[in-house]
C-alpha atoms as a PDB file:
ATOM      1  CA  MET A   1       0.000   0.000   0.000  1.00  0.00           C
ATOM      2  CA  THR A   2       1.138   3.534  -0.717  1.00  0.00           C
ATOM      3  CA  GLY A   3       0.657   6.015   2.107  1.00  0.00           C
ATOM      4  CA  VAL A   4      -0.708   5.651   5.591  1.00  0.00           C
ATOM      5  CA  ASP A   5      -3.533   3.173   6.121  1.00  0.00           C
ATOM      6  CA  PRO A   6      -6.659   5.365   5.884  1.00  0.00           C
ATOM      7  CA  SER A   7      -8.105   3.823   9.047  1.00  0.00           C
ATOM      8  CA  ARG A   8      -5.179   5.318  10.978  1.00  0.00           C
ATOM      9  CA  LEU A   9      -5.870   8.879   9.793  1.00  0.00           C
ATOM     10  CA  ASP A  10      -7.983  11.192  11.916  1.00  0.00           C
ATOM     11  CA  ASP A  11     -10.955  12.876  10.238  1.00  0.00           C
ATOM     12  CA  GLN A  12      -9.025  16.044   9.381  1.00  0.00           C
ATOM     13  CA  GLN A  13      -6.125  14.095   7.865  1.00  0.00           C
ATOM     14  CA  LEU A  14      -8.508  11.921   5.872  1.00  0.00           C
ATOM     15  CA  MET A  15     -10.244  14.975   4.401  1.00  0.00           C
ATOM     16  CA  LYS A  16      -6.894  16.542   3.505  1.00  0.00           C
ATOM     17  CA  GLU A  17      -5.816  13.327   1.754  1.00  0.00           C
ATOM     18  CA  LEU A  18      -9.116  13.179  -0.139  1.00  0.00           C
ATOM     19  CA  GLU A  19      -8.833  16.814  -1.222  1.00  0.00           C
ATOM     20  CA  THR A  20      -5.294  16.234  -2.462  1.00  0.00           C
ATOM     21  CA  ILE A  21      -6.067  13.066  -4.391  1.00  0.00           C
ATOM     22  CA  HIS A  22      -9.118  14.601  -6.054  1.00  0.00           C
ATOM     23  CA  ARG A  23      -7.124  17.706  -6.988  1.00  0.00           C
ATOM     24  CA  THR A  24      -4.412  15.594  -8.676  1.00  0.00           C
ATOM     25  CA  ARG A  25      -6.805  13.177 -10.386  1.00  0.00           C
ATOM     26  CA  HIS A  26      -7.104  14.931 -13.729  1.00  0.00           C
ATOM     27  CA  ASP A  27      -3.365  15.322 -14.282  1.00  0.00           C
ATOM     28  CA  THR A  28      -2.748  11.709 -13.284  1.00  0.00           C
ATOM     29  CA  LEU A  29      -5.369  10.524 -15.747  1.00  0.00           C
ATOM     30  CA  LEU A  30      -4.027  12.651 -18.592  1.00  0.00           C
ATOM     31  CA  TYR A  31      -0.294  12.471 -18.016  1.00  0.00           C
ATOM     32  CA  GLY A  32       0.515   9.683 -15.559  1.00  0.00           C
ATOM     33  CA  SER A  33       1.927   6.307 -16.484  1.00  0.00           C
ATOM     34  CA  ASN A  34      -0.301   3.254 -16.280  1.00  0.00           C
ATOM     35  CA  ASP A  35       1.362   2.360 -12.969  1.00  0.00           C
ATOM     36  CA  ALA A  36       0.766   5.858 -11.603  1.00  0.00           C
ATOM     37  CA  LEU A  37      -2.896   5.737 -12.613  1.00  0.00           C
ATOM     38  CA  ARG A  38      -3.341   2.268 -11.104  1.00  0.00           C
ATOM     39  CA  THR A  39      -1.746   3.418  -7.833  1.00  0.00           C
ATOM     40  CA  HIS A  40      -3.890   6.567  -7.845  1.00  0.00           C
ATOM     41  CA  ASN A  41      -7.045   4.501  -8.390  1.00  0.00           C
ATOM     42  CA  GLU A  42      -6.178   2.148  -5.541  1.00  0.00           C
ATOM     43  CA  ARG A  43      -5.369   4.946  -3.119  1.00  0.00           C
ATOM     44  CA  MET A  44      -8.495   6.904  -4.042  1.00  0.00           C
ATOM     45  CA  ALA A  45     -10.637   3.806  -3.480  1.00  0.00           C
ATOM     46  CA  GLN A  46      -9.015   3.240  -0.073  1.00  0.00           C
ATOM     47  CA  LEU A  47      -9.543   6.834   1.045  1.00  0.00           C
ATOM     48  CA  GLU A  48     -13.084   7.098  -0.288  1.00  0.00           C
ATOM     49  CA  GLY A  49     -13.978   3.731   1.215  1.00  0.00           C
ATOM     50  CA  GLU A  50     -12.762   4.879   4.621  1.00  0.00           C
ATOM     51  CA  TYR A  51     -14.716   8.131   4.312  1.00  0.00           C
ATOM     52  CA  LEU A  52     -17.895   6.208   3.458  1.00  0.00           C
ATOM     53  CA  ARG A  53     -17.286   3.763   6.306  1.00  0.00           C
ATOM     54  CA  ARG A  54     -17.055   6.659   8.755  1.00  0.00           C
ATOM     55  CA  ASN A  55     -19.987   8.572   7.279  1.00  0.00           C
ATOM     56  CA  PRO A  56     -22.689   6.033   6.355  1.00  0.00           C
ATOM     57  CA  THR A  57     -25.477   8.587   6.821  1.00  0.00           C
ATOM     58  CA  ARG A  58     -23.795  11.510   5.080  1.00  0.00           C
ATOM     59  CA  PRO A  59     -26.225  14.000   3.549  1.00  0.00           C
ATOM     60  CA  VAL A  60     -26.974  13.377  -0.111  1.00  0.00           C
ATOM     61  CA  ALA A  61     -28.060  16.310  -2.271  1.00  0.00           C
ATOM     62  CA  ALA A  62     -31.227  15.522  -4.209  1.00  0.00           C
ATOM     63  CA  GLY A  63     -29.666  16.865  -7.409  1.00  0.00           C
ATOM     64  CA  ARG A  64     -26.863  14.284  -7.127  1.00  0.00           C
ATOM     65  CA  THR A  65     -29.228  11.310  -7.453  1.00  0.00           C
ATOM     66  CA  ARG A  66     -30.606   9.783 -10.638  1.00  0.00           C
ATOM     67  CA  GLU A  67     -34.090  10.952  -9.746  1.00  0.00           C
ATOM     68  CA  GLY A  68     -32.837  14.485  -9.098  1.00  0.00           C
ATOM     69  CA  ALA A  69     -30.990  14.513 -12.418  1.00  0.00           C
ATOM     70  CA  ARG A  70     -34.126  13.384 -14.240  1.00  0.00           C
ATOM     71  CA  GLU A  71     -36.146  16.126 -12.573  1.00  0.00           C
ATOM     72  CA  ARG A  72     -33.511  18.683 -13.545  1.00  0.00           C
ATOM     73  CA  GLU A  73     -33.571  17.475 -17.177  1.00  0.00           C
ATOM     74  CA  ALA A  74     -37.382  17.611 -17.241  1.00  0.00           C
ATOM     75  CA  ALA A  75     -37.331  21.168 -15.883  1.00  0.00           C
ATOM     76  CA  ASP A  76     -34.751  22.176 -18.498  1.00  0.00           C
ATOM     77  CA  THR A  77     -36.940  20.931 -21.336  1.00  0.00           C
ATOM     78  CA  THR A  78     -40.109  22.597 -20.049  1.00  0.00           C
ATOM     79  CA  THR A  79     -38.578  25.975 -19.214  1.00  0.00           C
ATOM     80  CA  PRO A  80     -39.210  28.391 -22.084  1.00  0.00           C
ATOM     81  CA  THR A  81     -36.249  30.378 -23.252  1.00  0.00           C
ATOM     82  CA  THR A  82     -36.373  33.907 -24.472  1.00  0.00           C
ATOM     83  CA  PRO A  83     -34.537  34.462 -27.761  1.00  0.00           C
ATOM     84  CA  GLY A  84     -31.579  36.777 -27.457  1.00  0.00           C
ATOM     85  CA  THR A  85     -30.958  36.250 -23.753  1.00  0.00           C
END
């Protein structure tokens, strides 16, 4: 494993690790070697899994669910648009 076992991190350290790995994700995907991407994927899964384990009842925004997305799409298609705005 690369890095400290996520279960040994306190909540603040875990959030900092998650913020860092999400910030570096795009560059790793675009420019990292296959090994770097594989390692990044594994570490991200470990950190996110630990976050979810600690926060099983975390708040979920309605717009981030499939149903919420469908409602948003339906509203977008029924909302009239004014030409030129």
